[in-house]
């Protein structure tokens, strides 16, 4: 069951990732290249060179969960962001294939 929500922190790995990597290989990237703790509860996002595959690594109570999606046509729309952190809404748009140009939430004023 897909158990991710907006309450999680999402970090996009900024380089190309070999999709042959599984739990241990991706945990190694998280620890050695991102300097993070893989079982912290953060969700780590990896994309391949062609941008047609994405993996999400997440620690839940009792173990790691790895979500993997491969597109048969097209590519994932990538977030143009210098920060590793992306929002839940940007992740959903990216997975659904919607191009993310500028994501900002407007502040509403009440009278």
PDB file of N, CA and C in Angstrom:
ATOM      1  N   UNK A   1       0.832  -1.163   0.000  1.00  0.00           N
ATOM      2  CA  UNK A   1       0.000   0.000   0.000  1.00  0.00           C
ATOM      3  C   UNK A   1       0.891   1.245   0.000  1.00  0.00           C
ATOM      4  N   UNK A   2       0.505   2.241  -0.755  1.00  0.00           N
ATOM      5  CA  UNK A   2       1.251   3.489  -0.861  1.00  0.00           C
ATOM      6  C   UNK A   2       0.957   4.312   0.388  1.00  0.00           C
ATOM      7  N   UNK A   3       1.949   4.483   1.243  1.00  0.00           N
ATOM      8  CA  UNK A   3       1.689   5.138   2.524  1.00  0.00           C
ATOM      9  C   UNK A   3       2.450   6.449   2.691  1.00  0.00           C
ATOM     10  N   UNK A   4       2.709   7.145   1.603  1.00  0.00           N
ATOM     11  CA  UNK A   4       3.389   8.430   1.689  1.00  0.00           C
ATOM     12  C   UNK A   4       2.360   9.551   1.692  1.00  0.00           C
ATOM     13  N   UNK A   5       2.723  10.651   2.351  1.00  0.00           N
ATOM     14  CA  UNK A   5       1.800  11.791   2.419  1.00  0.00           C
ATOM     15  C   UNK A   5       2.596  13.080   2.519  1.00  0.00           C
ATOM     16  N   UNK A   6       1.884  14.164   2.613  1.00  0.00           N
ATOM     17  CA  UNK A   6       2.528  15.477   2.682  1.00  0.00           C
ATOM     18  C   UNK A   6       3.273  15.685   3.996  1.00  0.00           C
ATOM     19  N   UNK A   7       3.084  14.816   4.961  1.00  0.00           N
ATOM     20  CA  UNK A   7       3.781  14.958   6.244  1.00  0.00           C
ATOM     21  C   UNK A   7       5.243  14.503   6.165  1.00  0.00           C
ATOM     22  N   UNK A   8       5.620  13.832   5.088  1.00  0.00           N
ATOM     23  CA  UNK A   8       6.994  13.361   4.922  1.00  0.00           C
ATOM     24  C   UNK A   8       7.879  14.451   4.306  1.00  0.00           C
ATOM     25  N   UNK A   9       9.183  14.273   4.483  1.00  0.00           N
ATOM     26  CA  UNK A   9      10.166  15.125   3.829  1.00  0.00           C
ATOM     27  C   UNK A   9      10.681  14.370   2.616  1.00  0.00           C
ATOM     28  N   UNK A  10      10.693  15.019   1.448  1.00  0.00           N
ATOM     29  CA  UNK A  10      11.091  14.383   0.196  1.00  0.00           C
ATOM     30  C   UNK A  10      12.380  15.017  -0.310  1.00  0.00           C
ATOM     31  N   UNK A  11      13.373  14.170  -0.587  1.00  0.00           N
ATOM     32  CA  UNK A  11      14.673  14.633  -1.052  1.00  0.00           C
ATOM     33  C   UNK A  11      14.982  13.995  -2.397  1.00  0.00           C
ATOM     34  N   UNK A  12      15.244  14.822  -3.404  1.00  0.00           N
ATOM     35  CA  UNK A  12      15.536  14.361  -4.750  1.00  0.00           C
ATOM     36  C   UNK A  12      17.038  14.268  -4.943  1.00  0.00           C
ATOM     37  N   UNK A  13      17.525  13.073  -5.247  1.00  0.00           N
ATOM     38  CA  UNK A  13      18.950  12.870  -5.519  1.00  0.00           C
ATOM     39  C   UNK A  13      19.290  13.640  -6.795  1.00  0.00           C
ATOM     40  N   UNK A  14      20.272  14.557  -6.757  1.00  0.00           N
ATOM     41  CA  UNK A  14      20.493  15.473  -7.876  1.00  0.00           C
ATOM     42  C   UNK A  14      21.228  14.877  -9.072  1.00  0.00           C
ATOM     43  N   UNK A  15      21.704  13.641  -8.973  1.00  0.00           N
ATOM     44  CA  UNK A  15      22.450  13.037 -10.069  1.00  0.00           C
ATOM     45  C   UNK A  15      21.663  11.882 -10.679  1.00  0.00           C
ATOM     46  N   UNK A  16      22.205  11.352 -11.753  1.00  0.00           N
ATOM     47  CA  UNK A  16      21.606  10.192 -12.415  1.00  0.00           C
ATOM     48  C   UNK A  16      21.827   8.965 -11.537  1.00  0.00           C
ATOM     49  N   UNK A  17      20.835   8.099 -11.469  1.00  0.00           N
ATOM     50  CA  UNK A  17      20.941   6.905 -10.634  1.00  0.00           C
ATOM     51  C   UNK A  17      20.780   5.647 -11.480  1.00  0.00           C
ATOM     52  N   UNK A  18      21.577   4.656 -11.177  1.00  0.00           N
ATOM     53  CA  UNK A  18      21.490   3.342 -11.815  1.00  0.00           C
ATOM     54  C   UNK A  18      20.286   2.613 -11.218  1.00  0.00           C
ATOM     55  N   UNK A  19      19.289   2.329 -12.023  1.00  0.00           N
ATOM     56  CA  UNK A  19      18.063   1.714 -11.534  1.00  0.00           C
ATOM     57  C   UNK A  19      18.231   0.234 -11.189  1.00  0.00           C
ATOM     58  N   UNK A  20      19.416  -0.324 -11.411  1.00  0.00           N
ATOM     59  CA  UNK A  20      19.668  -1.696 -10.967  1.00  0.00           C
ATOM     60  C   UNK A  20      19.906  -1.753  -9.464  1.00  0.00           C
ATOM     61  N   UNK A  21      20.159  -0.601  -8.866  1.00  0.00           N
ATOM     62  CA  UNK A  21      20.379  -0.557  -7.418  1.00  0.00           C
ATOM     63  C   UNK A  21      19.066  -0.825  -6.692  1.00  0.00           C
ATOM     64  N   UNK A  22      19.197  -1.544  -5.594  1.00  0.00           N
ATOM     65  CA  UNK A  22      18.032  -1.830  -4.770  1.00  0.00           C
ATOM     66  C   UNK A  22      18.243  -1.213  -3.390  1.00  0.00           C
ATOM     67  N   UNK A  23      17.694  -1.812  -2.365  1.00  0.00           N
ATOM     68  CA  UNK A  23      17.715  -1.253  -1.020  1.00  0.00           C
ATOM     69  C   UNK A  23      19.124  -0.875  -0.561  1.00  0.00           C
ATOM     70  N   UNK A  24      20.043  -1.816  -0.580  1.00  0.00           N
ATOM     71  CA  UNK A  24      21.385  -1.571  -0.047  1.00  0.00           C
ATOM     72  C   UNK A  24      22.159  -0.548  -0.875  1.00  0.00           C
ATOM     73  N   UNK A  25      22.087  -0.639  -2.189  1.00  0.00           N
ATOM     74  CA  UNK A  25      22.787   0.304  -3.049  1.00  0.00           C
ATOM     75  C   UNK A  25      22.277   1.724  -2.888  1.00  0.00           C
ATOM     76  N   UNK A  26      20.961   1.868  -2.803  1.00  0.00           N
ATOM     77  CA  UNK A  26      20.369   3.193  -2.619  1.00  0.00           C
ATOM     78  C   UNK A  26      20.661   3.742  -1.221  1.00  0.00           C
ATOM     79  N   UNK A  27      20.666   2.867  -0.217  1.00  0.00           N
ATOM     80  CA  UNK A  27      21.036   3.302   1.136  1.00  0.00           C
ATOM     81  C   UNK A  27      22.481   3.791   1.160  1.00  0.00           C
ATOM     82  N   UNK A  28      23.347   3.150   0.389  1.00  0.00           N
ATOM     83  CA  UNK A  28      24.735   3.580   0.285  1.00  0.00           C
ATOM     84  C   UNK A  28      24.845   4.971  -0.307  1.00  0.00           C
ATOM     85  N   UNK A  29      24.051   5.257  -1.323  1.00  0.00           N
ATOM     86  CA  UNK A  29      24.033   6.606  -1.920  1.00  0.00           C
ATOM     87  C   UNK A  29      23.559   7.629  -0.887  1.00  0.00           C
ATOM     88  N   UNK A  30      22.497   7.292  -0.172  1.00  0.00           N
ATOM     89  CA  UNK A  30      21.950   8.204   0.834  1.00  0.00           C
ATOM     90  C   UNK A  30      23.006   8.531   1.892  1.00  0.00           C
ATOM     91  N   UNK A  31      23.704   7.515   2.368  1.00  0.00           N
ATOM     92  CA  UNK A  31      24.697   7.706   3.425  1.00  0.00           C
ATOM     93  C   UNK A  31      25.960   8.380   2.912  1.00  0.00           C
ATOM     94  N   UNK A  32      26.537   7.849   1.835  1.00  0.00           N
ATOM     95  CA  UNK A  32      27.850   8.305   1.372  1.00  0.00           C
ATOM     96  C   UNK A  32      27.818   9.578   0.542  1.00  0.00           C
ATOM     97  N   UNK A  33      26.783   9.771  -0.271  1.00  0.00           N
ATOM     98  CA  UNK A  33      26.760  10.926  -1.162  1.00  0.00           C
ATOM     99  C   UNK A  33      25.881  12.064  -0.662  1.00  0.00           C
ATOM    100  N   UNK A  34      24.779  11.730  -0.002  1.00  0.00           N
ATOM    101  CA  UNK A  34      23.892  12.772   0.507  1.00  0.00           C
ATOM    102  C   UNK A  34      24.186  13.126   1.961  1.00  0.00           C
ATOM    103  N   UNK A  35      24.939  12.264   2.655  1.00  0.00           N
ATOM    104  CA  UNK A  35      25.267  12.521   4.054  1.00  0.00           C
ATOM    105  C   UNK A  35      24.062  12.463   4.975  1.00  0.00           C
ATOM    106  N   UNK A  36      23.095  11.648   4.623  1.00  0.00           N
ATOM    107  CA  UNK A  36      21.866  11.510   5.415  1.00  0.00           C
ATOM    108  C   UNK A  36      21.794  10.103   6.011  1.00  0.00           C
ATOM    109  N   UNK A  37      20.861   9.922   6.914  1.00  0.00           N
ATOM    110  CA  UNK A  37      20.605   8.612   7.510  1.00  0.00           C
ATOM    111  C   UNK A  37      19.413   8.014   6.778  1.00  0.00           C
ATOM    112  N   UNK A  38      19.613   6.862   6.162  1.00  0.00           N
ATOM    113  CA  UNK A  38      18.573   6.258   5.309  1.00  0.00           C
ATOM    114  C   UNK A  38      17.313   5.892   6.097  1.00  0.00           C
ATOM    115  N   UNK A  39      17.458   5.513   7.359  1.00  0.00           N
ATOM    116  CA  UNK A  39      16.278   5.114   8.134  1.00  0.00           C
ATOM    117  C   UNK A  39      15.748   6.252   9.007  1.00  0.00           C
ATOM    118  N   UNK A  40      15.899   7.485   8.517  1.00  0.00           N
ATOM    119  CA  UNK A  40      15.432   8.669   9.246  1.00  0.00           C
ATOM    120  C   UNK A  40      13.941   8.926   9.074  1.00  0.00           C
ATOM    121  N   UNK A  41      13.338   8.294   8.079  1.00  0.00           N
ATOM    122  CA  UNK A  41      11.927   8.554   7.787  1.00  0.00           C
ATOM    123  C   UNK A  41      11.742   9.478   6.598  1.00  0.00           C
ATOM    124  N   UNK A  42      12.832  10.084   6.116  1.00  0.00           N
ATOM    125  CA  UNK A  42      12.752  10.907   4.914  1.00  0.00           C
ATOM    126  C   UNK A  42      12.556   9.994   3.704  1.00  0.00           C
ATOM    127  N   UNK A  43      11.988  10.542   2.654  1.00  0.00           N
ATOM    128  CA  UNK A  43      11.775   9.794   1.416  1.00  0.00           C
ATOM    129  C   UNK A  43      12.809  10.276   0.408  1.00  0.00           C
ATOM    130  N   UNK A  44      13.601   9.347  -0.120  1.00  0.00           N
ATOM    131  CA  UNK A  44      14.660   9.673  -1.060  1.00  0.00           C
ATOM    132  C   UNK A  44      14.223   9.273  -2.465  1.00  0.00           C
ATOM    133  N   UNK A  45      14.364  10.202  -3.414  1.00  0.00           N
ATOM    134  CA  UNK A  45      13.867  10.018  -4.774  1.00  0.00           C
ATOM    135  C   UNK A  45      15.047   9.923  -5.729  1.00  0.00           C
ATOM    136  N   UNK A  46      15.029   8.894  -6.574  1.00  0.00           N
ATOM    137  CA  UNK A  46      16.094   8.646  -7.535  1.00  0.00           C
ATOM    138  C   UNK A  46      15.487   8.514  -8.928  1.00  0.00           C
ATOM    139  N   UNK A  47      16.169   9.108  -9.931  1.00  0.00           N
ATOM    140  CA  UNK A  47      15.686   9.066 -11.310  1.00  0.00           C
ATOM    141  C   UNK A  47      16.833   8.595 -12.204  1.00  0.00           C
ATOM    142  N   UNK A  48      16.510   7.834 -13.247  1.00  0.00           N
ATOM    143  CA  UNK A  48      17.547   7.329 -14.150  1.00  0.00           C
ATOM    144  C   UNK A  48      17.892   8.345 -15.238  1.00  0.00           C
ATOM    145  N   UNK A  49      18.884   8.004 -16.067  1.00  0.00           N
ATOM    146  CA  UNK A  49      19.387   8.906 -17.106  1.00  0.00           C
ATOM    147  C   UNK A  49      18.296   9.299 -18.100  1.00  0.00           C
ATOM    148  N   UNK A  50      17.491   8.341 -18.537  1.00  0.00           N
ATOM    149  CA  UNK A  50      16.442   8.609 -19.527  1.00  0.00           C
ATOM    150  C   UNK A  50      15.227   9.320 -18.926  1.00  0.00           C
ATOM    151  N   UNK A  51      15.189   9.415 -17.608  1.00  0.00           N
ATOM    152  CA  UNK A  51      14.075  10.032 -16.879  1.00  0.00           C
ATOM    153  C   UNK A  51      12.746   9.324 -17.127  1.00  0.00           C
ATOM    154  N   UNK A  52      12.836   8.014 -17.372  1.00  0.00           N
ATOM    155  CA  UNK A  52      11.609   7.244 -17.540  1.00  0.00           C
ATOM    156  C   UNK A  52      11.384   6.253 -16.394  1.00  0.00           C
ATOM    157  N   UNK A  53      12.291   6.265 -15.395  1.00  0.00           N
ATOM    158  CA  UNK A  53      12.127   5.435 -14.215  1.00  0.00           C
ATOM    159  C   UNK A  53      12.414   6.267 -12.969  1.00  0.00           C
ATOM    160  N   UNK A  54      11.655   5.983 -11.928  1.00  0.00           N
ATOM    161  CA  UNK A  54      11.828   6.681 -10.657  1.00  0.00           C
ATOM    162  C   UNK A  54      11.706   5.661  -9.529  1.00  0.00           C
ATOM    163  N   UNK A  55      12.541   5.843  -8.501  1.00  0.00           N
ATOM    164  CA  UNK A  55      12.467   5.012  -7.301  1.00  0.00           C
ATOM    165  C   UNK A  55      12.386   5.917  -6.094  1.00  0.00           C
ATOM    166  N   UNK A  56      11.545   5.533  -5.148  1.00  0.00           N
ATOM    167  CA  UNK A  56      11.407   6.233  -3.880  1.00  0.00           C
ATOM    168  C   UNK A  56      11.768   5.255  -2.773  1.00  0.00           C
ATOM    169  N   UNK A  57      12.753   5.615  -1.971  1.00  0.00           N
ATOM    170  CA  UNK A  57      13.199   4.786  -0.850  1.00  0.00           C
ATOM    171  C   UNK A  57      12.710   5.429   0.435  1.00  0.00           C
ATOM    172  N   UNK A  58      12.050   4.621   1.268  1.00  0.00           N
ATOM    173  CA  UNK A  58      11.442   5.145   2.490  1.00  0.00           C
ATOM    174  C   UNK A  58      11.531   4.108   3.594  1.00  0.00           C
ATOM    175  N   UNK A  59      11.877   4.559   4.794  1.00  0.00           N
ATOM    176  CA  UNK A  59      11.904   3.696   5.964  1.00  0.00           C
ATOM    177  C   UNK A  59      10.569   3.791   6.677  1.00  0.00           C
ATOM    178  N   UNK A  60       9.937   2.652   6.870  1.00  0.00           N
ATOM    179  CA  UNK A  60       8.724   2.560   7.682  1.00  0.00           C
ATOM    180  C   UNK A  60       9.042   1.684   8.875  1.00  0.00           C
ATOM    181  N   UNK A  61       8.155   1.642   9.830  1.00  0.00           N
ATOM    182  CA  UNK A  61       8.372   0.802  11.007  1.00  0.00           C
ATOM    183  C   UNK A  61       8.608  -0.646  10.563  1.00  0.00           C
ATOM    184  N   UNK A  62       9.777  -1.151  10.863  1.00  0.00           N
ATOM    185  CA  UNK A  62      10.070  -2.543  10.541  1.00  0.00           C
ATOM    186  C   UNK A  62      10.918  -2.753   9.306  1.00  0.00           C
ATOM    187  N   UNK A  63      11.078  -1.763   8.454  1.00  0.00           N
ATOM    188  CA  UNK A  63      11.918  -1.981   7.277  1.00  0.00           C
ATOM    189  C   UNK A  63      11.754  -0.929   6.200  1.00  0.00           C
ATOM    190  N   UNK A  64      12.537  -1.117   5.142  1.00  0.00           N
ATOM    191  CA  UNK A  64      12.520  -0.196   4.013  1.00  0.00           C
ATOM    192  C   UNK A  64      11.416  -0.565   3.032  1.00  0.00           C
ATOM    193  N   UNK A  65      10.881   0.456   2.374  1.00  0.00           N
ATOM    194  CA  UNK A  65       9.920   0.283   1.295  1.00  0.00           C
ATOM    195  C   UNK A  65      10.531   0.947   0.073  1.00  0.00           C
ATOM    196  N   UNK A  66      10.447   0.282  -1.069  1.00  0.00           N
ATOM    197  CA  UNK A  66      10.988   0.824  -2.310  1.00  0.00           C
ATOM    198  C   UNK A  66       9.865   0.867  -3.338  1.00  0.00           C
ATOM    199  N   UNK A  67       9.504   2.078  -3.758  1.00  0.00           N
ATOM    200  CA  UNK A  67       8.508   2.270  -4.805  1.00  0.00           C
ATOM    201  C   UNK A  67       9.261   2.486  -6.110  1.00  0.00           C
ATOM    202  N   UNK A  68       8.828   1.814  -7.169  1.00  0.00           N
ATOM    203  CA  UNK A  68       9.505   1.904  -8.468  1.00  0.00           C
ATOM    204  C   UNK A  68       8.439   2.075  -9.543  1.00  0.00           C
ATOM    205  N   UNK A  69       8.607   3.110 -10.363  1.00  0.00           N
ATOM    206  CA  UNK A  69       7.676   3.329 -11.473  1.00  0.00           C
ATOM    207  C   UNK A  69       8.484   3.491 -12.752  1.00  0.00           C
ATOM    208  N   UNK A  70       8.072   2.782 -13.789  1.00  0.00           N
ATOM    209  CA  UNK A  70       8.700   2.891 -15.105  1.00  0.00           C
ATOM    210  C   UNK A  70       7.633   3.312 -16.101  1.00  0.00           C
ATOM    211  N   UNK A  71       7.933   4.370 -16.851  1.00  0.00           N
ATOM    212  CA  UNK A  71       7.008   4.847 -17.870  1.00  0.00           C
ATOM    213  C   UNK A  71       7.251   4.102 -19.172  1.00  0.00           C
ATOM    214  N   UNK A  72       6.194   3.731 -19.849  1.00  0.00           N
ATOM    215  CA  UNK A  72       6.318   3.095 -21.159  1.00  0.00           C
ATOM    216  C   UNK A  72       6.512   4.140 -22.247  1.00  0.00           C
ATOM    217  N   UNK A  73       5.987   5.341 -22.028  1.00  0.00           N
ATOM    218  CA  UNK A  73       6.144   6.453 -22.970  1.00  0.00           C
ATOM    219  C   UNK A  73       6.421   7.721 -22.178  1.00  0.00           C
ATOM    220  N   UNK A  74       7.212   8.597 -22.743  1.00  0.00           N
ATOM    221  CA  UNK A  74       7.465   9.896 -22.126  1.00  0.00           C
ATOM    222  C   UNK A  74       8.504   9.835 -21.021  1.00  0.00           C
ATOM    223  N   UNK A  75       8.634  10.966 -20.330  1.00  0.00           N
ATOM    224  CA  UNK A  75       9.604  11.094 -19.240  1.00  0.00           C
ATOM    225  C   UNK A  75       8.955  11.801 -18.058  1.00  0.00           C
ATOM    226  N   UNK A  76       9.598  11.659 -16.914  1.00  0.00           N
ATOM    227  CA  UNK A  76       9.140  12.373 -15.734  1.00  0.00           C
ATOM    228  C   UNK A  76       9.541  13.833 -15.856  1.00  0.00           C
ATOM    229  N   UNK A  77       8.645  14.718 -15.502  1.00  0.00           N
ATOM    230  CA  UNK A  77       8.940  16.150 -15.492  1.00  0.00           C
ATOM    231  C   UNK A  77       9.718  16.448 -14.227  1.00  0.00           C
ATOM    232  N   UNK A  78      10.939  16.931 -14.388  1.00  0.00           N
ATOM    233  CA  UNK A  78      11.810  17.146 -13.246  1.00  0.00           C
ATOM    234  C   UNK A  78      11.596  18.526 -12.628  1.00  0.00           C
ATOM    235  N   UNK A  79      11.825  18.599 -11.349  1.00  0.00           N
ATOM    236  CA  UNK A  79      11.720  19.845 -10.614  1.00  0.00           C
ATOM    237  C   UNK A  79      13.010  20.630 -10.828  1.00  0.00           C
ATOM    238  N   UNK A  80      12.901  21.878 -11.236  1.00  0.00           N
ATOM    239  CA  UNK A  80      14.075  22.751 -11.384  1.00  0.00           C
ATOM    240  C   UNK A  80      14.311  23.439 -10.056  1.00  0.00           C
ATOM    241  N   UNK A  81      15.162  22.814  -9.253  1.00  0.00           N
ATOM    242  CA  UNK A  81      15.368  23.286  -7.902  1.00  0.00           C
ATOM    243  C   UNK A  81      16.795  22.968  -7.484  1.00  0.00           C
ATOM    244  N   UNK A  82      17.502  23.932  -6.923  1.00  0.00           N
ATOM    245  CA  UNK A  82      18.862  23.683  -6.459  1.00  0.00           C
ATOM    246  C   UNK A  82      18.881  22.957  -5.126  1.00  0.00           C
ATOM    247  N   UNK A  83      17.782  23.008  -4.412  1.00  0.00           N
ATOM    248  CA  UNK A  83      17.659  22.348  -3.123  1.00  0.00           C
ATOM    249  C   UNK A  83      17.280  20.889  -3.348  1.00  0.00           C
ATOM    250  N   UNK A  84      17.750  20.008  -2.488  1.00  0.00           N
ATOM    251  CA  UNK A  84      17.382  18.596  -2.586  1.00  0.00           C
ATOM    252  C   UNK A  84      15.912  18.382  -2.231  1.00  0.00           C
ATOM    253  N   UNK A  85      15.380  19.230  -1.390  1.00  0.00           N
ATOM    254  CA  UNK A  85      14.031  19.054  -0.872  1.00  0.00           C
ATOM    255  C   UNK A  85      12.993  19.465  -1.911  1.00  0.00           C
ATOM    256  N   UNK A  86      11.990  18.619  -2.095  1.00  0.00           N
ATOM    257  CA  UNK A  86      10.859  18.983  -2.946  1.00  0.00           C
ATOM    258  C   UNK A  86       9.570  18.779  -2.155  1.00  0.00           C
ATOM    259  N   UNK A  87       8.533  19.456  -2.565  1.00  0.00           N
ATOM    260  CA  UNK A  87       7.263  19.370  -1.851  1.00  0.00           C
ATOM    261  C   UNK A  87       6.476  18.140  -2.299  1.00  0.00           C
ATOM    262  N   UNK A  88       5.514  17.767  -1.480  1.00  0.00           N
ATOM    263  CA  UNK A  88       4.627  16.651  -1.791  1.00  0.00           C
ATOM    264  C   UNK A  88       3.872  16.928  -3.089  1.00  0.00           C
ATOM    265  N   UNK A  89       3.379  18.130  -3.254  1.00  0.00           N
ATOM    266  CA  UNK A  89       2.616  18.458  -4.464  1.00  0.00           C
ATOM    267  C   UNK A  89       3.495  18.381  -5.718  1.00  0.00           C
ATOM    268  N   UNK A  90       4.759  18.840  -5.623  1.00  0.00           N
ATOM    269  CA  UNK A  90       5.666  18.722  -6.768  1.00  0.00           C
ATOM    270  C   UNK A  90       5.967  17.261  -7.090  1.00  0.00           C
ATOM    271  N   UNK A  91       6.105  16.431  -6.061  1.00  0.00           N
ATOM    272  CA  UNK A  91       6.353  14.998  -6.283  1.00  0.00           C
ATOM    273  C   UNK A  91       5.170  14.352  -6.991  1.00  0.00           C
ATOM    274  N   UNK A  92       3.970  14.655  -6.538  1.00  0.00           N
ATOM    275  CA  UNK A  92       2.772  14.080  -7.166  1.00  0.00           C
ATOM    276  C   UNK A  92       2.678  14.515  -8.624  1.00  0.00           C
ATOM    277  N   UNK A  93       2.920  15.792  -8.893  1.00  0.00           N
ATOM    278  CA  UNK A  93       2.883  16.273 -10.270  1.00  0.00           C
ATOM    279  C   UNK A  93       3.954  15.591 -11.118  1.00  0.00           C
ATOM    280  N   UNK A  94       5.143  15.425 -10.549  1.00  0.00           N
ATOM    281  CA  UNK A  94       6.235  14.785 -11.273  1.00  0.00           C
ATOM    282  C   UNK A  94       5.893  13.331 -11.605  1.00  0.00           C
ATOM    283  N   UNK A  95       5.362  12.587 -10.643  1.00  0.00           N
ATOM    284  CA  UNK A  95       5.014  11.179 -10.865  1.00  0.00           C
ATOM    285  C   UNK A  95       3.878  11.047 -11.877  1.00  0.00           C
ATOM    286  N   UNK A  96       2.951  11.993 -11.866  1.00  0.00           N
ATOM    287  CA  UNK A  96       1.829  11.953 -12.804  1.00  0.00           C
ATOM    288  C   UNK A  96       2.204  12.465 -14.190  1.00  0.00           C
ATOM    289  N   UNK A  97       3.417  13.015 -14.334  1.00  0.00           N
ATOM    290  CA  UNK A  97       3.880  13.457 -15.646  1.00  0.00           C
ATOM    291  C   UNK A  97       3.468  14.867 -16.009  1.00  0.00           C
ATOM    292  N   UNK A  98       3.080  15.646 -15.020  1.00  0.00           N
ATOM    293  CA  UNK A  98       2.682  17.025 -15.270  1.00  0.00           C
ATOM    294  C   UNK A  98       3.912  17.902 -15.134  1.00  0.00           C
ATOM    295  N   UNK A  99       4.178  18.718 -16.148  1.00  0.00           N
ATOM    296  CA  UNK A  99       5.363  19.564 -16.151  1.00  0.00           C
ATOM    297  C   UNK A  99       5.252  20.638 -15.080  1.00  0.00           C
ATOM    298  N   UNK A 100       6.284  20.733 -14.257  1.00  0.00           N
ATOM    299  CA  UNK A 100       6.304  21.688 -13.167  1.00  0.00           C
ATOM    300  C   UNK A 100       7.118  22.891 -13.611  1.00  0.00           C
ATOM    301  N   UNK A 101       6.449  24.005 -13.862  1.00  0.00           N
ATOM    302  CA  UNK A 101       7.148  25.209 -14.292  1.00  0.00           C
ATOM    303  C   UNK A 101       7.542  26.026 -13.066  1.00  0.00           C
ATOM    304  N   UNK A 102       6.593  26.444 -12.307  1.00  0.00           N
ATOM    305  CA  UNK A 102       6.847  27.203 -11.085  1.00  0.00           C
ATOM    306  C   UNK A 102       5.784  26.811 -10.092  1.00  0.00           C
ATOM    307  N   UNK A 103       6.195  26.321  -8.973  1.00  0.00           N
ATOM    308  CA  UNK A 103       5.256  25.894  -7.953  1.00  0.00           C
ATOM    309  C   UNK A 103       5.310  26.864  -6.784  1.00  0.00           C
ATOM    310  N   UNK A 104       4.255  27.598  -6.616  1.00  0.00           N
ATOM    311  CA  UNK A 104       4.180  28.497  -5.463  1.00  0.00           C
ATOM    312  C   UNK A 104       2.735  28.589  -5.014  1.00  0.00           C
ATOM    313  N   UNK A 105       2.575  28.726  -3.725  1.00  0.00           N
ATOM    314  CA  UNK A 105       1.244  28.833  -3.174  1.00  0.00           C
ATOM    315  C   UNK A 105       0.995  30.286  -2.827  1.00  0.00           C
ATOM    316  N   UNK A 106      -0.114  30.828  -3.281  1.00  0.00           N
ATOM    317  CA  UNK A 106      -0.424  32.213  -3.033  1.00  0.00           C
ATOM    318  C   UNK A 106      -1.055  32.368  -1.654  1.00  0.00           C
ATOM    319  N   UNK A 107      -0.661  33.424  -1.005  1.00  0.00           N
ATOM    320  CA  UNK A 107      -1.205  33.708   0.312  1.00  0.00           C
ATOM    321  C   UNK A 107      -2.542  34.400   0.154  1.00  0.00           C
ATOM    322  N   UNK A 108      -3.531  33.911   0.874  1.00  0.00           N
ATOM    323  CA  UNK A 108      -4.862  34.512   0.826  1.00  0.00           C
ATOM    324  C   UNK A 108      -5.031  35.435   2.022  1.00  0.00           C
ATOM    325  N   UNK A 109      -5.632  36.553   1.743  1.00  0.00           N
ATOM    326  CA  UNK A 109      -5.895  37.523   2.805  1.00  0.00           C
ATOM    327  C   UNK A 109      -7.374  37.478   3.139  1.00  0.00           C
ATOM    328  N   UNK A 110      -7.649  37.475   4.403  1.00  0.00           N
ATOM    329  CA  UNK A 110      -9.059  37.509   4.829  1.00  0.00           C
ATOM    330  C   UNK A 110      -9.394  38.926   5.274  1.00  0.00           C
ATOM    331  N   UNK A 111     -10.608  39.316   4.973  1.00  0.00           N
ATOM    332  CA  UNK A 111     -11.051  40.680   5.335  1.00  0.00           C
ATOM    333  C   UNK A 111     -11.805  40.683   6.608  1.00  0.00           C
TER     334      UNK A 111
END
